[in-house]
PDB file of N, CA and C in Angstrom:
ATOM      1  N   MET A   1      97.852  76.347  98.391  1.00  0.00           N
ATOM      2  CA  MET A   1      97.182  75.309  97.395  1.00  0.00           C
ATOM      3  C   MET A   1      98.607  74.602  96.751  1.00  0.00           C
ATOM      4  N   ALA A   2      98.586  73.401  96.824  1.00  0.00           N
ATOM      5  CA  ALA A   2      99.474  72.827  96.164  1.00  0.00           C
ATOM      6  C   ALA A   2     100.225  73.311  94.507  1.00  0.00           C
ATOM      7  N   GLU A   3     101.033  73.285  94.241  1.00  0.00           N
ATOM      8  CA  GLU A   3     101.767  73.693  92.865  1.00  0.00           C
ATOM      9  C   GLU A   3     101.129  72.656  91.864  1.00  0.00           C
ATOM     10  N   LEU A   4     100.539  72.970  90.855  1.00  0.00           N
ATOM     11  CA  LEU A   4     100.132  72.027  89.765  1.00  0.00           C
ATOM     12  C   LEU A   4     101.304  71.803  89.118  1.00  0.00           C
ATOM     13  N   ASN A   5     101.074  71.018  88.338  1.00  0.00           N
ATOM     14  CA  ASN A   5     102.204  70.296  87.355  1.00  0.00           C
ATOM     15  C   ASN A   5     101.775  70.325  86.063  1.00  0.00           C
ATOM     16  N   GLY A   6     102.562  70.817  84.851  1.00  0.00           N
ATOM     17  CA  GLY A   6     101.775  71.447  83.908  1.00  0.00           C
ATOM     18  C   GLY A   6     101.595  72.737  83.632  1.00  0.00           C
ATOM     19  N   ARG A   7     101.334  73.132  82.472  1.00  0.00           N
ATOM     20  CA  ARG A   7     101.299  74.405  82.029  1.00  0.00           C
ATOM     21  C   ARG A   7     100.137  74.608  80.785  1.00  0.00           C
ATOM     22  N   ILE A   8      99.607  75.798  80.620  1.00  0.00           N
ATOM     23  CA  ILE A   8      98.717  76.097  79.799  1.00  0.00           C
ATOM     24  C   ILE A   8      99.035  76.937  78.627  1.00  0.00           C
ATOM     25  N   LEU A   9      98.335  76.960  77.630  1.00  0.00           N
ATOM     26  CA  LEU A   9      98.714  77.557  76.580  1.00  0.00           C
ATOM     27  C   LEU A   9      98.615  79.400  76.661  1.00  0.00           C
ATOM     28  N   ALA A  10      99.260  80.104  75.720  1.00  0.00           N
ATOM     29  CA  ALA A  10      99.271  81.223  75.856  1.00  0.00           C
ATOM     30  C   ALA A  10      97.595  81.987  75.515  1.00  0.00           C
ATOM     31  N   GLY A  11      97.398  82.981  76.411  1.00  0.00           N
ATOM     32  CA  GLY A  11      95.829  83.632  76.462  1.00  0.00           C
ATOM     33  C   GLY A  11      95.185  82.657  77.026  1.00  0.00           C
ATOM     34  N   LYS A  12      95.302  81.423  77.846  1.00  0.00           N
ATOM     35  CA  LYS A  12      94.377  80.942  78.587  1.00  0.00           C
ATOM     36  C   LYS A  12      94.553  81.486  80.297  1.00  0.00           C
ATOM     37  N   VAL A  13      93.441  81.339  80.943  1.00  0.00           N
ATOM     38  CA  VAL A  13      93.481  81.286  82.481  1.00  0.00           C
ATOM     39  C   VAL A  13      92.845  80.311  82.938  1.00  0.00           C
ATOM     40  N   LEU A  14      93.702  79.668  84.197  1.00  0.00           N
ATOM     41  CA  LEU A  14      92.947  78.265  85.179  1.00  0.00           C
ATOM     42  C   LEU A  14      92.173  79.038  86.050  1.00  0.00           C
ATOM     43  N   VAL A  15      90.965  78.910  86.349  1.00  0.00           N
ATOM     44  CA  VAL A  15      90.192  79.711  87.413  1.00  0.00           C
ATOM     45  C   VAL A  15      89.905  78.523  88.295  1.00  0.00           C
ATOM     46  N   LYS A  16      89.993  78.536  89.805  1.00  0.00           N
ATOM     47  CA  LYS A  16      89.213  77.853  90.562  1.00  0.00           C
ATOM     48  C   LYS A  16      87.883  78.338  91.212  1.00  0.00           C
ATOM     49  N   LYS A  17      86.912  77.712  90.902  1.00  0.00           N
ATOM     50  CA  LYS A  17      85.761  78.258  91.334  1.00  0.00           C
ATOM     51  C   LYS A  17      85.411  78.415  92.743  1.00  0.00           C
ATOM     52  N   GLN A  18      85.202  79.851  93.324  1.00  0.00           N
ATOM     53  CA  GLN A  18      84.786  79.854  94.943  1.00  0.00           C
ATOM     54  C   GLN A  18      83.377  79.591  95.209  1.00  0.00           C
ATOM     55  N   GLN A  19      83.324  78.913  96.243  1.00  0.00           N
ATOM     56  CA  GLN A  19      81.920  78.704  96.627  1.00  0.00           C
ATOM     57  C   GLN A  19      80.903  79.925  96.671  1.00  0.00           C
ATOM     58  N   LYS A  20      79.870  79.569  96.113  1.00  0.00           N
ATOM     59  CA  LYS A  20      78.843  81.018  96.253  1.00  0.00           C
ATOM     60  C   LYS A  20      78.339  81.007  97.849  1.00  0.00           C
ATOM     61  N   GLU A  21      78.279  82.186  98.344  1.00  0.00           N
ATOM     62  CA  GLU A  21      77.618  82.587  99.587  1.00  0.00           C
ATOM     63  C   GLU A  21      76.128  82.190  99.634  1.00  0.00           C
ATOM     64  N   GLU A  22      75.636  81.740 100.608  1.00  0.00           N
ATOM     65  CA  GLU A  22      74.335  81.401 100.737  1.00  0.00           C
ATOM     66  C   GLU A  22      73.787  82.761 101.353  1.00  0.00           C
ATOM     67  N   GLU A  23      74.504  83.435 102.350  1.00  0.00           N
ATOM     68  CA  GLU A  23      74.059  84.269 102.900  1.00  0.00           C
ATOM     69  C   GLU A  23      74.439  85.571 102.915  1.00  0.00           C
ATOM     70  N   THR A  24      74.169  86.886 102.587  1.00  0.00           N
ATOM     71  CA  THR A  24      75.047  88.125 102.379  1.00  0.00           C
ATOM     72  C   THR A  24      75.476  88.284 103.891  1.00  0.00           C
ATOM     73  N   ARG A  25      76.153  89.213 103.989  1.00  0.00           N
ATOM     74  CA  ARG A  25      76.848  89.815 105.303  1.00  0.00           C
ATOM     75  C   ARG A  25      75.683  90.728 106.108  1.00  0.00           C
ATOM     76  N   GLY A  26      74.663  90.909 105.438  1.00  0.00           N
ATOM     77  CA  GLY A  26      73.340  91.460 106.586  1.00  0.00           C
ATOM     78  C   GLY A  26      72.699  90.589 107.013  1.00  0.00           C
ATOM     79  N   GLY A  27      72.828  89.181 106.464  1.00  0.00           N
ATOM     80  CA  GLY A  27      71.965  88.172 106.910  1.00  0.00           C
ATOM     81  C   GLY A  27      70.873  87.886 106.207  1.00  0.00           C
ATOM     82  N   ILE A  28      71.050  88.208 104.891  1.00  0.00           N
ATOM     83  CA  ILE A  28      69.721  88.299 103.686  1.00  0.00           C
ATOM     84  C   ILE A  28      70.091  86.650 103.005  1.00  0.00           C
ATOM     85  N   ILE A  29      69.272  86.072 102.938  1.00  0.00           N
ATOM     86  CA  ILE A  29      69.472  84.544 102.255  1.00  0.00           C
ATOM     87  C   ILE A  29      68.909  85.070 100.820  1.00  0.00           C
ATOM     88  N   ILE A  30      70.057  84.485  99.795  1.00  0.00           N
ATOM     89  CA  ILE A  30      69.882  84.678  98.499  1.00  0.00           C
ATOM     90  C   ILE A  30      69.265  83.177  97.987  1.00  0.00           C
ATOM     91  N   PRO A  31      67.905  83.381  97.340  1.00  0.00           N
ATOM     92  CA  PRO A  31      67.475  81.815  96.850  1.00  0.00           C
ATOM     93  C   PRO A  31      68.350  81.575  95.629  1.00  0.00           C
ATOM     94  N   ILE A  32      68.410  80.129  95.224  1.00  0.00           N
ATOM     95  CA  ILE A  32      68.999  79.849  94.303  1.00  0.00           C
ATOM     96  C   ILE A  32      68.588  80.400  93.091  1.00  0.00           C
ATOM     97  N   THR A  33      67.409  80.704  92.757  1.00  0.00           N
ATOM     98  CA  THR A  33      66.327  81.184  91.579  1.00  0.00           C
ATOM     99  C   THR A  33      67.215  82.784  91.302  1.00  0.00           C
ATOM    100  N   ALA A  34      67.974  83.263  92.120  1.00  0.00           N
ATOM    101  CA  ALA A  34      68.410  84.742  91.957  1.00  0.00           C
ATOM    102  C   ALA A  34      70.095  84.525  91.510  1.00  0.00           C
ATOM    103  N   GLU A  35      70.377  83.492  91.415  1.00  0.00           N
ATOM    104  CA  GLU A  35      71.753  83.309  91.029  1.00  0.00           C
ATOM    105  C   GLU A  35      71.910  83.670  89.468  1.00  0.00           C
ATOM    106  N   THR A  36      73.149  84.348  88.966  1.00  0.00           N
ATOM    107  CA  THR A  36      73.344  84.499  87.592  1.00  0.00           C
ATOM    108  C   THR A  36      74.164  83.680  87.048  1.00  0.00           C
ATOM    109  N   LYS A  37      74.655  84.263  86.015  1.00  0.00           N
ATOM    110  CA  LYS A  37      75.720  83.017  85.119  1.00  0.00           C
ATOM    111  C   LYS A  37      77.285  84.014  85.265  1.00  0.00           C
ATOM    112  N   THR A  38      77.140  85.296  86.070  1.00  0.00           N
ATOM    113  CA  THR A  38      78.284  85.692  86.426  1.00  0.00           C
ATOM    114  C   THR A  38      79.182  84.965  87.801  1.00  0.00           C
ATOM    115  N   LEU A  39      80.317  84.482  87.803  1.00  0.00           N
ATOM    116  CA  LEU A  39      80.885  83.764  88.924  1.00  0.00           C
ATOM    117  C   LEU A  39      81.978  84.244  89.573  1.00  0.00           C
ATOM    118  N   ARG A  40      82.552  83.634  90.627  1.00  0.00           N
ATOM    119  CA  ARG A  40      83.556  84.413  91.243  1.00  0.00           C
ATOM    120  C   ARG A  40      84.538  83.195  91.383  1.00  0.00           C
ATOM    121  N   GLY A  41      86.148  83.359  91.328  1.00  0.00           N
ATOM    122  CA  GLY A  41      86.875  82.591  91.178  1.00  0.00           C
ATOM    123  C   GLY A  41      88.613  82.963  91.458  1.00  0.00           C
ATOM    124  N   GLU A  42      89.407  82.167  91.575  1.00  0.00           N
ATOM    125  CA  GLU A  42      90.511  82.555  91.878  1.00  0.00           C
ATOM    126  C   GLU A  42      91.519  82.007  90.876  1.00  0.00           C
ATOM    127  N   VAL A  43      92.404  82.992  90.345  1.00  0.00           N
ATOM    128  CA  VAL A  43      93.388  82.427  88.892  1.00  0.00           C
ATOM    129  C   VAL A  43      94.577  81.841  89.830  1.00  0.00           C
ATOM    130  N   VAL A  44      94.719  80.378  89.059  1.00  0.00           N
ATOM    131  CA  VAL A  44      95.821  79.541  89.778  1.00  0.00           C
ATOM    132  C   VAL A  44      97.005  79.666  88.670  1.00  0.00           C
ATOM    133  N   LEU A  45      96.484  79.527  87.326  1.00  0.00           N
ATOM    134  CA  LEU A  45      97.633  79.388  86.090  1.00  0.00           C
ATOM    135  C   LEU A  45      97.289  80.548  85.227  1.00  0.00           C
ATOM    136  N   VAL A  46      98.273  81.296  84.698  1.00  0.00           N
ATOM    137  CA  VAL A  46      98.114  82.037  83.482  1.00  0.00           C
ATOM    138  C   VAL A  46      99.270  81.838  82.384  1.00  0.00           C
ATOM    139  N   GLY A  47      98.712  81.776  81.126  1.00  0.00           N
ATOM    140  CA  GLY A  47      99.431  81.409  80.046  1.00  0.00           C
ATOM    141  C   GLY A  47      99.890  82.830  79.399  1.00  0.00           C
ATOM    142  N   LYS A  48     100.898  82.463  78.974  1.00  0.00           N
ATOM    143  CA  LYS A  48     101.927  83.545  78.403  1.00  0.00           C
ATOM    144  C   LYS A  48     100.920  84.484  77.253  1.00  0.00           C
ATOM    145  N   SER A  49     101.178  85.650  77.342  1.00  0.00           N
ATOM    146  CA  SER A  49     100.799  86.824  76.477  1.00  0.00           C
ATOM    147  C   SER A  49     100.215  86.459  74.885  1.00  0.00           C
ATOM    148  N   MET A  50      99.379  86.527  74.440  1.00  0.00           N
ATOM    149  CA  MET A  50      99.201  86.757  72.691  1.00  0.00           C
ATOM    150  C   MET A  50      99.646  87.749  72.271  1.00  0.00           C
ATOM    151  N   VAL A  51      99.994  87.780  70.967  1.00  0.00           N
ATOM    152  CA  VAL A  51     100.708  89.147  70.233  1.00  0.00           C
ATOM    153  C   VAL A  51      99.479  90.054  70.488  1.00  0.00           C
ATOM    154  N   LYS A  52      98.200  89.832  70.161  1.00  0.00           N
ATOM    155  CA  LYS A  52      97.539  90.834  70.153  1.00  0.00           C
ATOM    156  C   LYS A  52      96.857  91.182  71.528  1.00  0.00           C
ATOM    157  N   ALA A  53      96.997  90.561  72.636  1.00  0.00           N
ATOM    158  CA  ALA A  53      96.734  90.882  73.688  1.00  0.00           C
ATOM    159  C   ALA A  53      97.314  90.560  74.962  1.00  0.00           C
ATOM    160  N   GLU A  54      97.811  91.438  75.695  1.00  0.00           N
ATOM    161  CA  GLU A  54      98.720  91.238  76.932  1.00  0.00           C
ATOM    162  C   GLU A  54      98.157  90.640  78.101  1.00  0.00           C
ATOM    163  N   MET A  55      98.528  89.664  78.733  1.00  0.00           N
ATOM    164  CA  MET A  55      97.690  89.206  80.287  1.00  0.00           C
ATOM    165  C   MET A  55      97.872  90.210  81.377  1.00  0.00           C
ATOM    166  N   GLU A  56      96.512  90.510  81.548  1.00  0.00           N
ATOM    167  CA  GLU A  56      96.273  91.565  82.594  1.00  0.00           C
ATOM    168  C   GLU A  56      95.754  90.774  84.137  1.00  0.00           C
ATOM    169  N   VAL A  57      95.854  89.358  83.884  1.00  0.00           N
ATOM    170  CA  VAL A  57      95.312  88.824  85.124  1.00  0.00           C
ATOM    171  C   VAL A  57      96.727  88.022  85.567  1.00  0.00           C
ATOM    172  N   ALA A  58      96.667  87.817  86.978  1.00  0.00           N
ATOM    173  CA  ALA A  58      98.118  87.312  87.451  1.00  0.00           C
ATOM    174  C   ALA A  58      97.221  86.169  88.523  1.00  0.00           C
ATOM    175  N   VAL A  59      98.197  85.042  88.667  1.00  0.00           N
ATOM    176  CA  VAL A  59      97.700  84.248  89.931  1.00  0.00           C
ATOM    177  C   VAL A  59      97.764  84.786  91.182  1.00  0.00           C
ATOM    178  N   GLY A  60      96.841  84.289  91.644  1.00  0.00           N
ATOM    179  CA  GLY A  60      96.296  84.910  92.867  1.00  0.00           C
ATOM    180  C   GLY A  60      94.926  85.722  92.928  1.00  0.00           C
ATOM    181  N   ASP A  61      94.596  86.381  91.508  1.00  0.00           N
ATOM    182  CA  ASP A  61      93.773  87.454  91.579  1.00  0.00           C
ATOM    183  C   ASP A  61      92.247  86.717  91.650  1.00  0.00           C
ATOM    184  N   SER A  62      91.538  87.741  92.349  1.00  0.00           N
ATOM    185  CA  SER A  62      90.156  87.039  92.577  1.00  0.00           C
ATOM    186  C   SER A  62      89.476  87.707  91.368  1.00  0.00           C
ATOM    187  N   VAL A  63      88.500  87.118  90.731  1.00  0.00           N
ATOM    188  CA  VAL A  63      88.198  87.521  89.634  1.00  0.00           C
ATOM    189  C   VAL A  63      86.567  87.125  89.229  1.00  0.00           C
ATOM    190  N   TYR A  64      85.833  88.161  88.627  1.00  0.00           N
ATOM    191  CA  TYR A  64      84.408  87.508  88.490  1.00  0.00           C
ATOM    192  C   TYR A  64      84.433  87.137  86.914  1.00  0.00           C
ATOM    193  N   TYR A  65      84.009  86.229  86.518  1.00  0.00           N
ATOM    194  CA  TYR A  65      83.717  85.907  85.236  1.00  0.00           C
ATOM    195  C   TYR A  65      82.403  85.400  84.427  1.00  0.00           C
ATOM    196  N   CYS A  66      82.566  85.000  83.123  1.00  0.00           N
ATOM    197  CA  CYS A  66      81.160  84.938  82.770  1.00  0.00           C
ATOM    198  C   CYS A  66      81.549  83.457  82.079  1.00  0.00           C
ATOM    199  N   GLU A  67      80.199  82.396  82.562  1.00  0.00           N
ATOM    200  CA  GLU A  67      80.371  81.192  82.098  1.00  0.00           C
ATOM    201  C   GLU A  67      79.627  80.967  80.911  1.00  0.00           C
ATOM    202  N   LYS A  68      79.198  82.026  79.943  1.00  0.00           N
ATOM    203  CA  LYS A  68      78.575  81.591  79.012  1.00  0.00           C
ATOM    204  C   LYS A  68      79.026  80.608  77.908  1.00  0.00           C
ATOM    205  N   TYR A  69      80.289  81.726  77.524  1.00  0.00           N
ATOM    206  CA  TYR A  69      80.705  81.244  76.386  1.00  0.00           C
ATOM    207  C   TYR A  69      82.488  80.379  76.396  1.00  0.00           C
ATOM    208  N   GLY A  70      82.444  79.435  75.924  1.00  0.00           N
ATOM    209  CA  GLY A  70      84.251  78.767  75.465  1.00  0.00           C
ATOM    210  C   GLY A  70      84.824  78.476  76.951  1.00  0.00           C
ATOM    211  N   ILE A  71      84.193  78.385  77.625  1.00  0.00           N
ATOM    212  CA  ILE A  71      84.874  77.774  79.377  1.00  0.00           C
ATOM    213  C   ILE A  71      84.662  76.309  79.375  1.00  0.00           C
ATOM    214  N   GLU A  72      86.031  75.806  79.509  1.00  0.00           N
ATOM    215  CA  GLU A  72      85.762  74.160  79.553  1.00  0.00           C
ATOM    216  C   GLU A  72      86.008  73.790  81.262  1.00  0.00           C
ATOM    217  N   GLU A  73      85.232  73.071  81.867  1.00  0.00           N
ATOM    218  CA  GLU A  73      85.412  72.433  83.427  1.00  0.00           C
ATOM    219  C   GLU A  73      86.523  71.265  83.064  1.00  0.00           C
ATOM    220  N   ILE A  74      87.444  71.364  83.832  1.00  0.00           N
ATOM    221  CA  ILE A  74      88.664  70.464  83.806  1.00  0.00           C
ATOM    222  C   ILE A  74      88.561  69.951  85.278  1.00  0.00           C
ATOM    223  N   ARG A  75      89.415  68.862  85.599  1.00  0.00           N
ATOM    224  CA  ARG A  75      89.704  68.058  86.735  1.00  0.00           C
ATOM    225  C   ARG A  75      91.076  68.090  86.685  1.00  0.00           C
ATOM    226  N   ILE A  76      91.861  68.480  87.605  1.00  0.00           N
ATOM    227  CA  ILE A  76      93.128  68.340  87.675  1.00  0.00           C
ATOM    228  C   ILE A  76      93.354  67.708  89.319  1.00  0.00           C
ATOM    229  N   GLU A  77      94.046  66.634  89.313  1.00  0.00           N
ATOM    230  CA  GLU A  77      94.511  66.302  90.986  1.00  0.00           C
ATOM    231  C   GLU A  77      93.621  66.302  91.865  1.00  0.00           C
ATOM    232  N   GLY A  78      92.260  65.711  90.988  1.00  0.00           N
ATOM    233  CA  GLY A  78      90.872  65.885  92.035  1.00  0.00           C
ATOM    234  C   GLY A  78      90.190  67.136  92.423  1.00  0.00           C
ATOM    235  N   VAL A  79      90.514  68.231  91.788  1.00  0.00           N
ATOM    236  CA  VAL A  79      90.276  69.303  91.907  1.00  0.00           C
ATOM    237  C   VAL A  79      89.273  69.951  90.770  1.00  0.00           C
ATOM    238  N   ASP A  80      88.368  70.775  90.662  1.00  0.00           N
ATOM    239  CA  ASP A  80      87.453  71.262  89.535  1.00  0.00           C
ATOM    240  C   ASP A  80      88.031  72.779  89.313  1.00  0.00           C
ATOM    241  N   TYR A  81      88.355  72.796  87.940  1.00  0.00           N
ATOM    242  CA  TYR A  81      88.878  74.333  87.386  1.00  0.00           C
ATOM    243  C   TYR A  81      88.144  74.583  86.363  1.00  0.00           C
ATOM    244  N   PHE A  82      87.897  75.780  86.039  1.00  0.00           N
ATOM    245  CA  PHE A  82      87.725  76.199  84.680  1.00  0.00           C
ATOM    246  C   PHE A  82      88.761  76.737  84.037  1.00  0.00           C
ATOM    247  N   LEU A  83      88.913  76.267  82.663  1.00  0.00           N
ATOM    248  CA  LEU A  83      90.043  76.891  81.679  1.00  0.00           C
ATOM    249  C   LEU A  83      89.135  77.757  80.723  1.00  0.00           C
ATOM    250  N   MET A  84      89.742  78.906  80.756  1.00  0.00           N
ATOM    251  CA  MET A  84      89.110  80.061  79.894  1.00  0.00           C
ATOM    252  C   MET A  84      90.180  81.098  78.967  1.00  0.00           C
ATOM    253  N   ASP A  85      89.443  81.652  78.236  1.00  0.00           N
ATOM    254  CA  ASP A  85      90.228  82.882  77.609  1.00  0.00           C
ATOM    255  C   ASP A  85      90.188  84.028  78.677  1.00  0.00           C
ATOM    256  N   GLN A  86      91.052  85.008  78.512  1.00  0.00           N
ATOM    257  CA  GLN A  86      91.282  86.106  79.599  1.00  0.00           C
ATOM    258  C   GLN A  86      89.957  86.962  79.161  1.00  0.00           C
ATOM    259  N   GLU A  87      89.450  87.003  77.898  1.00  0.00           N
ATOM    260  CA  GLU A  87      88.099  87.714  77.582  1.00  0.00           C
ATOM    261  C   GLU A  87      87.072  87.157  78.402  1.00  0.00           C
ATOM    262  N   ASN A  88      86.875  86.013  78.687  1.00  0.00           N
ATOM    263  CA  ASN A  88      86.082  85.642  79.809  1.00  0.00           C
ATOM    264  C   ASN A  88      85.878  86.148  81.063  1.00  0.00           C
ATOM    265  N   ILE A  89      86.905  86.866  81.579  1.00  0.00           N
ATOM    266  CA  ILE A  89      86.969  87.690  82.812  1.00  0.00           C
ATOM    267  C   ILE A  89      86.480  89.047  82.657  1.00  0.00           C
ATOM    268  N   LEU A  90      85.530  89.264  83.964  1.00  0.00           N
ATOM    269  CA  LEU A  90      84.783  90.670  83.600  1.00  0.00           C
ATOM    270  C   LEU A  90      85.378  91.883  84.246  1.00  0.00           C
ATOM    271  N   TYR A  91      86.216  91.208  85.451  1.00  0.00           N
ATOM    272  CA  TYR A  91      86.492  92.305  86.517  1.00  0.00           C
ATOM    273  C   TYR A  91      87.103  91.454  87.564  1.00  0.00           C
ATOM    274  N   ILE A  92      88.459  92.416  88.052  1.00  0.00           N
ATOM    275  CA  ILE A  92      89.604  91.937  88.706  1.00  0.00           C
ATOM    276  C   ILE A  92      89.401  92.586  90.040  1.00  0.00           C
ATOM    277  N   LEU A  93      89.117  91.679  91.298  1.00  0.00           N
ATOM    278  CA  LEU A  93      88.769  92.100  92.569  1.00  0.00           C
ATOM    279  C   LEU A  93      90.309  93.014  93.011  1.00  0.00           C
TER     280      LEU A  93
END
């Protein structure tokens, strides 16, 4: 991945959405209607820690996140990303 110019504010995380798998490892195809709001992505930038919460994610982490609240979709250098608070991240793989 090319290095991005710029930085993000404290407490924020920039995540690149990973493509959804249409077929499971066992060969079962998952219909679109079975999709949930929990999505998977890769952390590409992490802001500094906030006074009240230390940053627990790092660049390169693969994460599951909830797209329900407070996520902004942005385009940087032709690539779509999600800018979110660390609180939107549910699980680090």
